[in-house]
Amino acid sequence: TKYFIINDVTEVTFSELSTEMIQYYIDHFKPFDKAGSYGIQDWIGNVAISKINGSYTNVMGLPTEKLFSFLNKL
C-alpha cells in the first residue's frame, strides 16, 4: 500500500477585531467546530481578513489546487 501526504501552508492576516465583532462571530457562526476556530468563508472572512498568502481552499480544509495537480500527475 502506498500512502501520499499532500499539504500546503497558507498565511492569513486578520485586521484588528473589536470585542463586539468577536462576540458577534461567536454568537452567529459557532466557530468552535472549525479548525482554527473560524471559517474563512463565513462573515469573519469577508470583514476581517486583510491578507491571504497561499491557498484559500487550504484554509477551508483541503488544498484542492495542490491535490488536483498531484492527481493529474498520476
Protein backbone atom coordinates (compact mmCIF):
# COMPACT_ATOMS: atom_id res chain seq x y z
CA THR A 1 0.00 0.00 0.00
CA LYS A 2 1.30 3.42 -0.93
CA TYR A 3 0.48 6.49 1.08
CA PHE A 4 0.86 10.06 -0.04
CA ILE A 5 0.86 13.20 2.01
CA ILE A 6 -0.38 16.35 0.35
CA ASN A 7 -0.19 19.52 2.40
CA ASP A 8 0.16 23.23 1.95
CA VAL A 9 0.91 26.29 4.04
CA THR A 10 -1.21 29.41 3.98
CA GLU A 11 -0.70 32.61 5.95
CA VAL A 12 -3.84 34.53 6.93
CA THR A 13 -3.69 38.05 8.36
CA PHE A 14 -6.62 39.48 10.25
CA SER A 15 -7.45 43.11 10.77
CA GLU A 16 -7.82 44.20 14.36
CA LEU A 17 -11.13 42.93 15.74
CA SER A 18 -13.16 44.57 18.47
CA THR A 19 -14.57 42.52 21.32
CA GLU A 20 -18.04 43.17 19.89
CA MET A 21 -17.06 41.78 16.47
CA ILE A 22 -15.58 38.66 18.04
CA GLN A 23 -18.68 38.13 20.17
CA TYR A 24 -20.94 38.61 17.15
CA TYR A 25 -18.98 35.95 15.27
CA ILE A 26 -19.15 33.52 18.17
CA ASP A 27 -22.89 34.08 18.65
CA HIS A 28 -23.89 33.81 14.99
CA PHE A 29 -21.40 31.45 13.34
CA LYS A 30 -20.48 28.89 16.04
CA PRO A 31 -16.75 28.75 15.26
CA PHE A 32 -15.79 26.09 17.80
CA ASP A 33 -16.34 23.21 15.39
CA LYS A 34 -13.87 24.67 12.88
CA ALA A 35 -10.13 24.21 12.62
CA GLY A 36 -8.58 27.43 13.86
CA SER A 37 -11.98 28.46 15.26
CA TYR A 38 -13.01 30.42 12.21
CA GLY A 39 -14.38 29.77 8.76
CA ILE A 40 -12.74 31.90 6.09
CA GLN A 41 -15.92 31.50 4.01
CA ASP A 42 -18.03 32.93 6.87
CA TRP A 43 -18.77 36.54 7.74
CA ILE A 44 -15.43 36.89 9.54
CA GLY A 45 -13.55 36.09 6.34
CA ASN A 46 -15.38 38.83 4.46
CA VAL A 47 -14.94 41.57 7.03
CA ALA A 48 -11.74 40.82 8.92
CA ILE A 49 -9.17 39.12 6.71
CA SER A 50 -6.84 41.73 5.33
CA LYS A 51 -4.38 39.42 3.57
CA ILE A 52 -4.03 35.82 2.49
CA ASN A 53 -0.75 34.39 1.26
CA GLY A 54 -1.32 30.96 -0.23
CA SER A 55 -4.29 28.74 -0.90
CA TYR A 56 -7.78 29.87 0.06
CA THR A 57 -9.07 26.29 -0.18
CA ASN A 58 -6.30 25.15 2.15
CA VAL A 59 -7.70 27.44 4.83
CA MET A 60 -11.13 25.88 4.24
CA GLY A 61 -9.61 22.45 4.90
CA LEU A 62 -8.36 20.92 1.65
CA PRO A 63 -5.75 22.40 -0.70
CA THR A 64 -7.68 21.46 -3.83
CA GLU A 65 -5.24 23.13 -6.25
CA LYS A 66 -2.36 21.06 -4.90
CA LEU A 67 -4.47 17.89 -4.76
CA PHE A 68 -5.61 18.34 -8.37
CA SER A 69 -2.04 18.91 -9.51
CA PHE A 70 -0.88 15.77 -7.70
CA LEU A 71 -3.68 13.60 -9.07
CA ASN A 72 -3.11 14.94 -12.58
CA LYS A 73 0.49 13.66 -12.43
CA LEU A 74 -0.51 10.06 -11.55
